[in-house]
Amino acid sequence: MHITPTTIPDVLLLTPKVFGDSRGFFFESFNQLAFEAAIGGPAHFVQDNHSRSARGVLRGLHYQVEQPQGKLVRVVAGAVFDVAVDIRPGSPTFGRWVGMELSADNKQQLWIPPGLAHGFLVLSETAEFLYKTTDYYAPAHERCILWSDPVLAIRWPLEAPPMLSGKDASGLSFTVATAG
């Protein structure tokens, strides 16, 4: 597996070694020892999630104020533009975002450590998105930053206005969300 730090150094792009021939392909999608070596410490995943969304659906930017979740995300069908935003107070990359295309074709995964907000936009007709989390979903502690916050100025590759849930459409501004 090849590990590439992003412009937020704790957010890592993981590219597997894929072995393919005329019959298809094989790759190791997760190895605990290799993953912990890549992130520089232990990781314990407690929950796996799987979502399917249509083209133009934008989910996020989600985070939990208590029980923050580290997420290892990948796409097994279709393609998404995946975004992580550093909302950790005191972090040298606080307020910065990183975005990249994850797809079934490139088989890449993104490690988003606890304390970052996360969201994605579906680029294909549909996309199936898998993610492992380091803590359980806690609805009482979940928050959402508005996807179109002008302070963050995320450059989503939109073809039309996104389809949003009510929660995502009414997300908080970055400034309000990160105020002590």
N, C-alpha and C. Protein backbone atom coordinates (compact mmCIF):
# COMPACT_ATOMS: atom_id res chain seq x y z
N MET A 1 0.84 -1.17 0.00
CA MET A 1 0.00 0.00 0.00
C MET A 1 0.89 1.24 0.00
N HIS A 2 0.53 2.20 -0.82
CA HIS A 2 1.27 3.45 -0.88
C HIS A 2 0.50 4.50 -0.09
N ILE A 3 1.19 5.21 0.80
CA ILE A 3 0.58 6.22 1.67
C ILE A 3 1.06 7.60 1.23
N THR A 4 0.13 8.52 0.98
CA THR A 4 0.47 9.87 0.56
C THR A 4 -0.17 10.87 1.52
N PRO A 5 0.65 11.66 2.25
CA PRO A 5 0.07 12.73 3.06
C PRO A 5 -0.56 13.79 2.15
N THR A 6 -1.60 14.43 2.63
CA THR A 6 -2.26 15.50 1.87
C THR A 6 -1.78 16.85 2.41
N THR A 7 -2.41 17.91 1.97
CA THR A 7 -2.04 19.24 2.48
C THR A 7 -2.41 19.42 3.95
N ILE A 8 -3.25 18.54 4.47
CA ILE A 8 -3.45 18.41 5.92
C ILE A 8 -2.72 17.12 6.26
N PRO A 9 -1.49 17.20 6.78
CA PRO A 9 -0.62 16.02 6.88
C PRO A 9 -1.21 14.81 7.60
N ASP A 10 -2.16 15.01 8.53
CA ASP A 10 -2.78 13.88 9.21
C ASP A 10 -3.82 13.16 8.35
N VAL A 11 -4.28 13.81 7.30
CA VAL A 11 -5.22 13.19 6.36
C VAL A 11 -4.37 12.48 5.32
N LEU A 12 -4.57 11.17 5.20
CA LEU A 12 -3.72 10.35 4.34
C LEU A 12 -4.51 9.71 3.22
N LEU A 13 -3.91 9.69 2.03
CA LEU A 13 -4.47 8.99 0.89
C LEU A 13 -3.78 7.63 0.81
N LEU A 14 -4.56 6.56 0.84
CA LEU A 14 -4.03 5.21 0.79
C LEU A 14 -4.36 4.60 -0.56
N THR A 15 -3.32 4.20 -1.28
CA THR A 15 -3.49 3.59 -2.60
C THR A 15 -3.00 2.15 -2.52
N PRO A 16 -3.90 1.19 -2.72
CA PRO A 16 -3.51 -0.21 -2.58
C PRO A 16 -2.72 -0.72 -3.79
N LYS A 17 -2.01 -1.80 -3.56
CA LYS A 17 -1.39 -2.53 -4.67
C LYS A 17 -2.47 -3.45 -5.21
N VAL A 18 -2.80 -3.24 -6.48
CA VAL A 18 -3.87 -4.01 -7.11
C VAL A 18 -3.23 -5.02 -8.06
N PHE A 19 -3.64 -6.27 -7.91
CA PHE A 19 -3.16 -7.35 -8.76
C PHE A 19 -4.30 -7.74 -9.68
N GLY A 20 -4.11 -7.51 -10.98
CA GLY A 20 -5.19 -7.78 -11.92
C GLY A 20 -4.72 -8.53 -13.15
N ASP A 21 -5.64 -9.24 -13.74
CA ASP A 21 -5.40 -9.91 -15.02
C ASP A 21 -6.75 -10.04 -15.72
N SER A 22 -6.82 -10.88 -16.73
CA SER A 22 -8.04 -10.99 -17.53
C SER A 22 -9.23 -11.51 -16.71
N ARG A 23 -8.97 -12.12 -15.56
CA ARG A 23 -10.04 -12.65 -14.72
C ARG A 23 -10.66 -11.60 -13.81
N GLY A 24 -9.92 -10.51 -13.56
CA GLY A 24 -10.41 -9.49 -12.64
C GLY A 24 -9.26 -8.92 -11.82
N PHE A 25 -9.48 -8.63 -10.54
CA PHE A 25 -8.43 -8.05 -9.71
C PHE A 25 -8.56 -8.54 -8.28
N PHE A 26 -7.49 -8.30 -7.52
CA PHE A 26 -7.45 -8.58 -6.09
C PHE A 26 -6.62 -7.48 -5.44
N PHE A 27 -7.07 -7.00 -4.28
CA PHE A 27 -6.23 -6.13 -3.48
C PHE A 27 -6.63 -6.25 -2.02
N GLU A 28 -5.67 -5.98 -1.16
CA GLU A 28 -5.93 -5.99 0.28
C GLU A 28 -6.48 -4.61 0.62
N SER A 29 -7.75 -4.56 1.05
CA SER A 29 -8.37 -3.26 1.32
C SER A 29 -8.07 -2.75 2.72
N PHE A 30 -7.67 -3.62 3.63
CA PHE A 30 -7.32 -3.17 4.97
C PHE A 30 -6.38 -4.17 5.62
N ASN A 31 -5.36 -3.63 6.28
CA ASN A 31 -4.41 -4.43 7.06
C ASN A 31 -4.09 -3.61 8.30
N GLN A 32 -4.48 -4.10 9.48
CA GLN A 32 -4.34 -3.35 10.72
C GLN A 32 -2.90 -2.91 10.97
N LEU A 33 -1.94 -3.82 10.80
CA LEU A 33 -0.54 -3.48 11.07
C LEU A 33 -0.03 -2.39 10.12
N ALA A 34 -0.31 -2.53 8.85
CA ALA A 34 0.14 -1.52 7.87
C ALA A 34 -0.55 -0.19 8.11
N PHE A 35 -1.83 -0.22 8.45
CA PHE A 35 -2.57 1.02 8.70
C PHE A 35 -2.01 1.75 9.92
N GLU A 36 -1.80 1.03 11.01
CA GLU A 36 -1.26 1.67 12.21
C GLU A 36 0.15 2.20 11.99
N ALA A 37 0.94 1.52 11.18
CA ALA A 37 2.27 2.04 10.84
C ALA A 37 2.13 3.34 10.05
N ALA A 38 1.15 3.40 9.15
CA ALA A 38 0.95 4.58 8.31
C ALA A 38 0.51 5.79 9.13
N ILE A 39 -0.38 5.57 10.12
CA ILE A 39 -0.88 6.72 10.89
C ILE A 39 -0.04 7.00 12.13
N GLY A 40 0.93 6.14 12.39
CA GLY A 40 1.86 6.38 13.49
C GLY A 40 1.32 6.04 14.87
N GLY A 41 0.37 5.10 14.93
CA GLY A 41 -0.15 4.72 16.23
C GLY A 41 -1.32 3.78 16.11
N PRO A 42 -1.89 3.42 17.25
CA PRO A 42 -3.00 2.46 17.21
C PRO A 42 -4.29 3.07 16.69
N ALA A 43 -5.10 2.22 16.10
CA ALA A 43 -6.44 2.59 15.65
C ALA A 43 -7.35 1.42 15.93
N HIS A 44 -8.52 1.73 16.43
CA HIS A 44 -9.48 0.68 16.74
C HIS A 44 -10.81 1.07 16.08
N PHE A 45 -11.21 0.30 15.11
CA PHE A 45 -12.47 0.59 14.42
C PHE A 45 -13.61 -0.16 15.10
N VAL A 46 -14.74 0.55 15.30
CA VAL A 46 -15.86 -0.03 16.03
C VAL A 46 -17.14 -0.12 15.19
N GLN A 47 -17.15 0.52 14.03
CA GLN A 47 -18.38 0.56 13.24
C GLN A 47 -18.02 0.68 11.77
N ASP A 48 -18.72 -0.07 10.91
CA ASP A 48 -18.60 0.06 9.46
C ASP A 48 -19.94 0.57 8.94
N ASN A 49 -19.89 1.54 8.02
CA ASN A 49 -21.10 2.12 7.43
C ASN A 49 -21.03 1.99 5.92
N HIS A 50 -22.20 1.90 5.29
CA HIS A 50 -22.30 1.76 3.84
C HIS A 50 -23.47 2.62 3.39
N SER A 51 -23.21 3.57 2.48
CA SER A 51 -24.30 4.40 1.97
C SER A 51 -24.32 4.33 0.44
N ARG A 52 -25.48 4.57 -0.11
CA ARG A 52 -25.64 4.66 -1.57
C ARG A 52 -26.36 5.97 -1.83
N SER A 53 -25.83 6.73 -2.78
CA SER A 53 -26.40 8.04 -3.09
C SER A 53 -26.41 8.26 -4.59
N ALA A 54 -27.32 9.12 -5.04
CA ALA A 54 -27.45 9.46 -6.45
C ALA A 54 -26.54 10.63 -6.82
N ARG A 55 -26.34 10.79 -8.13
CA ARG A 55 -25.53 11.90 -8.64
C ARG A 55 -26.03 13.23 -8.07
N GLY A 56 -25.08 14.07 -7.64
CA GLY A 56 -25.43 15.39 -7.15
C GLY A 56 -25.79 15.46 -5.68
N VAL A 57 -25.86 14.31 -5.01
CA VAL A 57 -26.10 14.31 -3.56
C VAL A 57 -24.83 14.77 -2.87
N LEU A 58 -24.98 15.72 -1.96
CA LEU A 58 -23.86 16.19 -1.15
C LEU A 58 -24.21 15.90 0.31
N ARG A 59 -23.33 15.16 0.96
CA ARG A 59 -23.52 14.82 2.38
C ARG A 59 -22.40 15.47 3.17
N GLY A 60 -22.78 16.24 4.19
CA GLY A 60 -21.76 16.85 5.05
C GLY A 60 -21.90 18.35 5.09
N LEU A 61 -21.06 18.88 5.81
CA LEU A 61 -19.81 18.47 6.45
C LEU A 61 -20.09 18.06 7.90
N HIS A 62 -19.97 16.79 8.21
CA HIS A 62 -20.37 16.25 9.50
C HIS A 62 -19.19 16.05 10.44
N TYR A 63 -19.48 16.18 11.74
CA TYR A 63 -18.50 15.88 12.79
C TYR A 63 -19.27 15.67 14.08
N GLN A 64 -18.60 15.14 15.10
CA GLN A 64 -19.21 14.95 16.41
C GLN A 64 -18.40 15.72 17.44
N VAL A 65 -19.09 16.54 18.26
CA VAL A 65 -18.42 17.35 19.28
C VAL A 65 -17.93 16.50 20.44
N GLU A 66 -18.59 15.37 20.71
CA GLU A 66 -18.11 14.38 21.65
C GLU A 66 -18.08 13.07 20.88
N GLN A 67 -17.22 12.15 21.30
CA GLN A 67 -17.01 10.91 20.58
C GLN A 67 -16.60 11.18 19.12
N PRO A 68 -15.59 12.04 18.90
CA PRO A 68 -15.18 12.31 17.52
C PRO A 68 -14.76 11.02 16.82
N GLN A 69 -15.09 10.94 15.56
CA GLN A 69 -14.83 9.73 14.79
C GLN A 69 -13.68 9.93 13.82
N GLY A 70 -12.70 9.05 13.88
CA GLY A 70 -11.77 8.91 12.77
C GLY A 70 -12.48 8.07 11.72
N LYS A 71 -12.24 8.36 10.45
CA LYS A 71 -12.93 7.64 9.38
C LYS A 71 -11.94 7.19 8.32
N LEU A 72 -12.05 5.94 7.93
CA LEU A 72 -11.32 5.41 6.78
C LEU A 72 -12.38 5.16 5.72
N VAL A 73 -12.34 5.95 4.64
CA VAL A 73 -13.44 5.97 3.66
C VAL A 73 -12.96 5.49 2.30
N ARG A 74 -13.89 4.85 1.57
CA ARG A 74 -13.61 4.42 0.20
C ARG A 74 -14.90 4.25 -0.56
N VAL A 75 -14.80 4.21 -1.87
CA VAL A 75 -15.94 4.06 -2.77
C VAL A 75 -15.82 2.70 -3.46
N VAL A 76 -16.89 1.91 -3.43
CA VAL A 76 -16.86 0.60 -4.08
C VAL A 76 -17.69 0.56 -5.36
N ALA A 77 -18.47 1.59 -5.62
CA ALA A 77 -19.21 1.72 -6.88
C ALA A 77 -19.36 3.20 -7.16
N GLY A 78 -18.96 3.64 -8.37
CA GLY A 78 -19.09 5.04 -8.73
C GLY A 78 -17.92 5.89 -8.29
N ALA A 79 -18.20 7.19 -8.10
CA ALA A 79 -17.14 8.15 -7.76
C ALA A 79 -17.72 9.29 -6.94
N VAL A 80 -16.90 9.81 -6.02
CA VAL A 80 -17.28 10.96 -5.21
C VAL A 80 -16.11 11.93 -5.12
N PHE A 81 -16.42 13.19 -4.81
CA PHE A 81 -15.43 14.16 -4.41
C PHE A 81 -15.52 14.21 -2.90
N ASP A 82 -14.46 13.77 -2.23
CA ASP A 82 -14.45 13.62 -0.79
C ASP A 82 -13.68 14.76 -0.15
N VAL A 83 -14.21 15.32 0.94
CA VAL A 83 -13.63 16.51 1.57
C VAL A 83 -13.46 16.30 3.07
N ALA A 84 -12.30 16.72 3.59
CA ALA A 84 -12.04 16.76 5.03
C ALA A 84 -11.66 18.19 5.38
N VAL A 85 -12.19 18.68 6.51
CA VAL A 85 -11.92 20.04 6.98
C VAL A 85 -11.35 19.95 8.39
N ASP A 86 -10.22 20.59 8.61
CA ASP A 86 -9.59 20.58 9.93
C ASP A 86 -10.30 21.59 10.83
N ILE A 87 -10.99 21.08 11.85
CA ILE A 87 -11.68 21.95 12.80
C ILE A 87 -11.10 21.80 14.20
N ARG A 88 -9.87 21.28 14.28
CA ARG A 88 -9.22 21.06 15.58
C ARG A 88 -8.60 22.37 16.06
N PRO A 89 -9.07 22.89 17.20
CA PRO A 89 -8.48 24.13 17.74
C PRO A 89 -6.99 23.94 17.97
N GLY A 90 -6.20 24.93 17.60
CA GLY A 90 -4.76 24.88 17.81
C GLY A 90 -4.00 24.12 16.75
N SER A 91 -4.69 23.47 15.82
CA SER A 91 -4.00 22.74 14.76
C SER A 91 -3.35 23.72 13.79
N PRO A 92 -2.14 23.43 13.29
CA PRO A 92 -1.52 24.32 12.30
C PRO A 92 -2.29 24.39 10.98
N THR A 93 -3.18 23.41 10.74
CA THR A 93 -3.98 23.44 9.51
C THR A 93 -5.46 23.73 9.79
N PHE A 94 -5.75 24.31 10.97
CA PHE A 94 -7.12 24.67 11.34
C PHE A 94 -7.75 25.53 10.24
N GLY A 95 -8.96 25.15 9.83
CA GLY A 95 -9.69 25.92 8.82
C GLY A 95 -9.33 25.57 7.39
N ARG A 96 -8.39 24.66 7.20
CA ARG A 96 -8.04 24.23 5.83
C ARG A 96 -8.83 22.99 5.46
N TRP A 97 -9.01 22.82 4.17
CA TRP A 97 -9.72 21.64 3.67
C TRP A 97 -8.89 20.96 2.61
N VAL A 98 -9.16 19.68 2.43
CA VAL A 98 -8.54 18.91 1.36
C VAL A 98 -9.67 18.13 0.69
N GLY A 99 -9.62 18.05 -0.64
CA GLY A 99 -10.64 17.32 -1.38
C GLY A 99 -10.00 16.53 -2.50
N MET A 100 -10.55 15.34 -2.73
CA MET A 100 -10.04 14.50 -3.82
C MET A 100 -11.11 13.54 -4.28
N GLU A 101 -10.91 13.04 -5.50
CA GLU A 101 -11.85 12.06 -6.04
C GLU A 101 -11.48 10.68 -5.55
N LEU A 102 -12.46 10.00 -4.98
CA LEU A 102 -12.34 8.60 -4.63
C LEU A 102 -13.31 7.85 -5.53
N SER A 103 -12.89 6.72 -6.07
CA SER A 103 -13.77 5.98 -6.98
C SER A 103 -13.52 4.49 -6.89
N ALA A 104 -14.48 3.75 -7.42
CA ALA A 104 -14.30 2.30 -7.53
C ALA A 104 -13.13 2.00 -8.45
N ASP A 105 -12.89 2.85 -9.45
CA ASP A 105 -11.78 2.62 -10.37
C ASP A 105 -10.42 2.84 -9.73
N ASN A 106 -10.25 3.95 -8.97
CA ASN A 106 -8.91 4.21 -8.41
C ASN A 106 -8.67 3.46 -7.11
N LYS A 107 -9.72 2.94 -6.49
CA LYS A 107 -9.63 2.09 -5.29
C LYS A 107 -8.89 2.75 -4.13
N GLN A 108 -8.76 4.06 -4.16
CA GLN A 108 -8.07 4.77 -3.09
C GLN A 108 -8.97 4.95 -1.88
N GLN A 109 -8.33 5.09 -0.72
CA GLN A 109 -9.03 5.34 0.53
C GLN A 109 -8.47 6.61 1.15
N LEU A 110 -9.27 7.25 1.96
CA LEU A 110 -8.83 8.44 2.66
C LEU A 110 -8.99 8.21 4.16
N TRP A 111 -7.92 8.49 4.92
CA TRP A 111 -7.96 8.44 6.37
C TRP A 111 -8.20 9.86 6.87
N ILE A 112 -9.29 10.03 7.60
CA ILE A 112 -9.66 11.31 8.18
C ILE A 112 -9.63 11.13 9.69
N PRO A 113 -8.64 11.70 10.37
CA PRO A 113 -8.52 11.46 11.81
C PRO A 113 -9.63 12.14 12.60
N PRO A 114 -9.82 11.70 13.86
CA PRO A 114 -10.83 12.34 14.71
C PRO A 114 -10.56 13.85 14.81
N GLY A 115 -11.64 14.62 14.86
CA GLY A 115 -11.52 16.07 15.01
C GLY A 115 -11.63 16.82 13.71
N LEU A 116 -11.88 16.13 12.61
CA LEU A 116 -12.09 16.80 11.34
C LEU A 116 -13.54 16.62 10.90
N ALA A 117 -14.05 17.59 10.14
CA ALA A 117 -15.37 17.46 9.54
C ALA A 117 -15.20 16.76 8.20
N HIS A 118 -16.26 16.08 7.76
CA HIS A 118 -16.17 15.28 6.54
C HIS A 118 -17.44 15.40 5.72
N GLY A 119 -17.27 15.39 4.40
CA GLY A 119 -18.41 15.38 3.50
C GLY A 119 -18.00 14.88 2.14
N PHE A 120 -19.00 14.59 1.30
CA PHE A 120 -18.69 14.16 -0.07
C PHE A 120 -19.83 14.51 -1.01
N LEU A 121 -19.47 14.65 -2.29
CA LEU A 121 -20.39 14.94 -3.38
C LEU A 121 -20.31 13.78 -4.37
N VAL A 122 -21.46 13.24 -4.76
CA VAL A 122 -21.48 12.12 -5.71
C VAL A 122 -21.32 12.65 -7.13
N LEU A 123 -20.33 12.10 -7.84
CA LEU A 123 -20.00 12.53 -9.20
C LEU A 123 -20.58 11.62 -10.26
N SER A 124 -20.84 10.37 -9.93
CA SER A 124 -21.34 9.37 -10.88
C SER A 124 -22.87 9.25 -10.76
N GLU A 125 -23.48 8.42 -11.60
CA GLU A 125 -24.94 8.24 -11.52
C GLU A 125 -25.36 7.85 -10.12
N THR A 126 -24.64 6.92 -9.52
CA THR A 126 -24.80 6.55 -8.11
C THR A 126 -23.41 6.25 -7.57
N ALA A 127 -23.31 6.23 -6.26
CA ALA A 127 -22.05 5.85 -5.62
C ALA A 127 -22.36 5.10 -4.35
N GLU A 128 -21.56 4.07 -4.10
CA GLU A 128 -21.64 3.35 -2.84
C GLU A 128 -20.37 3.66 -2.07
N PHE A 129 -20.57 4.15 -0.86
CA PHE A 129 -19.51 4.72 -0.04
C PHE A 129 -19.41 3.89 1.23
N LEU A 130 -18.21 3.40 1.55
CA LEU A 130 -17.97 2.62 2.76
C LEU A 130 -17.07 3.40 3.69
N TYR A 131 -17.35 3.33 4.97
CA TYR A 131 -16.42 3.94 5.91
C TYR A 131 -16.41 3.21 7.24
N LYS A 132 -15.17 3.06 7.73
CA LYS A 132 -14.92 2.48 9.04
C LYS A 132 -14.75 3.66 9.99
N THR A 133 -15.29 3.55 11.22
CA THR A 133 -15.16 4.64 12.18
C THR A 133 -14.53 4.16 13.47
N THR A 134 -13.82 5.07 14.12
CA THR A 134 -13.12 4.76 15.37
C THR A 134 -13.99 4.97 16.60
N ASP A 135 -15.17 5.53 16.43
CA ASP A 135 -16.12 5.65 17.53
C ASP A 135 -17.52 5.50 16.95
N TYR A 136 -18.47 5.26 17.82
CA TYR A 136 -19.84 5.03 17.39
C TYR A 136 -20.53 6.33 17.01
N TYR A 137 -21.50 6.20 16.11
CA TYR A 137 -22.33 7.34 15.75
C TYR A 137 -23.10 7.78 16.99
N ALA A 138 -23.05 9.06 17.29
CA ALA A 138 -23.70 9.63 18.46
C ALA A 138 -24.56 10.81 18.00
N PRO A 139 -25.82 10.57 17.64
CA PRO A 139 -26.67 11.62 17.08
C PRO A 139 -26.77 12.87 17.95
N ALA A 140 -26.73 12.71 19.27
CA ALA A 140 -26.83 13.87 20.16
C ALA A 140 -25.61 14.78 20.05
N HIS A 141 -24.51 14.24 19.56
CA HIS A 141 -23.27 15.02 19.47
C HIS A 141 -22.90 15.38 18.03
N GLU A 142 -23.72 14.96 17.09
CA GLU A 142 -23.41 15.25 15.69
C GLU A 142 -23.72 16.70 15.36
N ARG A 143 -22.85 17.30 14.58
CA ARG A 143 -23.02 18.67 14.10
C ARG A 143 -22.72 18.69 12.60
N CYS A 144 -23.08 19.80 11.98
CA CYS A 144 -22.87 19.94 10.54
C CYS A 144 -22.44 21.38 10.23
N ILE A 145 -21.39 21.51 9.46
CA ILE A 145 -20.95 22.81 8.94
C ILE A 145 -21.54 22.94 7.54
N LEU A 146 -22.04 24.10 7.21
CA LEU A 146 -22.64 24.34 5.90
C LEU A 146 -21.63 24.07 4.79
N TRP A 147 -22.00 23.24 3.86
CA TRP A 147 -21.13 22.83 2.75
C TRP A 147 -20.61 24.01 1.94
N SER A 148 -21.39 25.09 1.88
CA SER A 148 -21.04 26.24 1.04
C SER A 148 -20.49 27.41 1.85
N ASP A 149 -19.98 27.14 3.04
CA ASP A 149 -19.48 28.21 3.90
C ASP A 149 -18.43 29.05 3.16
N PRO A 150 -18.62 30.38 3.12
CA PRO A 150 -17.69 31.24 2.36
C PRO A 150 -16.29 31.33 2.99
N VAL A 151 -16.17 31.14 4.29
CA VAL A 151 -14.85 31.16 4.91
C VAL A 151 -14.02 29.98 4.43
N LEU A 152 -14.64 28.81 4.35
CA LEU A 152 -13.93 27.61 3.88
C LEU A 152 -13.70 27.66 2.37
N ALA A 153 -14.67 28.15 1.63
CA ALA A 153 -14.59 28.28 0.17
C ALA A 153 -14.16 26.98 -0.50
N ILE A 154 -14.84 25.89 -0.15
CA ILE A 154 -14.54 24.59 -0.76
C ILE A 154 -14.96 24.64 -2.22
N ARG A 155 -14.08 24.18 -3.08
CA ARG A 155 -14.34 24.17 -4.52
C ARG A 155 -14.96 22.81 -4.93
N TRP A 156 -16.24 22.67 -4.62
CA TRP A 156 -16.96 21.45 -4.98
C TRP A 156 -17.12 21.42 -6.50
N PRO A 157 -16.90 20.30 -7.16
CA PRO A 157 -17.07 20.22 -8.62
C PRO A 157 -18.55 20.02 -9.00
N LEU A 158 -19.34 21.04 -8.76
CA LEU A 158 -20.79 20.97 -8.96
C LEU A 158 -21.16 21.20 -10.42
N GLU A 159 -22.12 20.41 -10.91
CA GLU A 159 -22.70 20.61 -12.23
C GLU A 159 -24.04 21.32 -12.11
N ALA A 160 -24.63 21.25 -10.94
CA ALA A 160 -25.94 21.84 -10.66
C ALA A 160 -26.01 22.02 -9.14
N PRO A 161 -27.02 22.72 -8.62
CA PRO A 161 -27.15 22.80 -7.16
C PRO A 161 -27.24 21.38 -6.57
N PRO A 162 -26.56 21.14 -5.46
CA PRO A 162 -26.55 19.79 -4.89
C PRO A 162 -27.87 19.42 -4.24
N MET A 163 -28.11 18.11 -4.14
CA MET A 163 -29.25 17.60 -3.38
C MET A 163 -28.77 17.42 -1.94
N LEU A 164 -29.50 18.04 -1.00
CA LEU A 164 -29.08 18.07 0.40
C LEU A 164 -30.20 17.55 1.30
N SER A 165 -29.81 16.98 2.43
CA SER A 165 -30.79 16.68 3.47
C SER A 165 -31.13 18.00 4.16
N GLY A 166 -32.20 18.01 4.94
CA GLY A 166 -32.55 19.21 5.70
C GLY A 166 -31.43 19.61 6.65
N LYS A 167 -30.84 18.61 7.30
CA LYS A 167 -29.74 18.86 8.24
C LYS A 167 -28.55 19.52 7.52
N ASP A 168 -28.22 19.01 6.35
CA ASP A 168 -27.07 19.56 5.62
C ASP A 168 -27.35 20.94 5.05
N ALA A 169 -28.59 21.19 4.65
CA ALA A 169 -28.97 22.50 4.11
C ALA A 169 -28.93 23.57 5.18
N SER A 170 -29.09 23.19 6.45
CA SER A 170 -29.11 24.18 7.52
C SER A 170 -27.87 24.08 8.42
N GLY A 171 -26.76 23.64 7.84
CA GLY A 171 -25.53 23.54 8.61
C GLY A 171 -25.08 24.89 9.17
N LEU A 172 -24.24 24.82 10.19
CA LEU A 172 -23.70 26.02 10.82
C LEU A 172 -22.58 26.62 9.97
N SER A 173 -22.35 27.91 10.14
CA SER A 173 -21.19 28.52 9.50
C SER A 173 -19.94 27.97 10.18
N PHE A 174 -18.82 27.98 9.49
CA PHE A 174 -17.56 27.52 10.06
C PHE A 174 -17.23 28.33 11.31
N THR A 175 -17.43 29.64 11.25
CA THR A 175 -17.11 30.52 12.38
C THR A 175 -17.93 30.16 13.60
N VAL A 176 -19.23 29.94 13.44
CA VAL A 176 -20.09 29.58 14.58
C VAL A 176 -19.74 28.18 15.07
N ALA A 177 -19.54 27.24 14.16
CA ALA A 177 -19.25 25.85 14.52
C ALA A 177 -17.97 25.72 15.33
N THR A 178 -16.99 26.56 15.05
CA THR A 178 -15.68 26.43 15.70
C THR A 178 -15.45 27.44 16.83
N ALA A 179 -16.47 28.25 17.13
CA ALA A 179 -16.33 29.19 18.24
C ALA A 179 -16.37 28.40 19.54
N GLY A 180 -15.40 28.66 20.42
CA GLY A 180 -15.26 27.94 21.70
C GLY A 180 -16.55 27.61 22.29
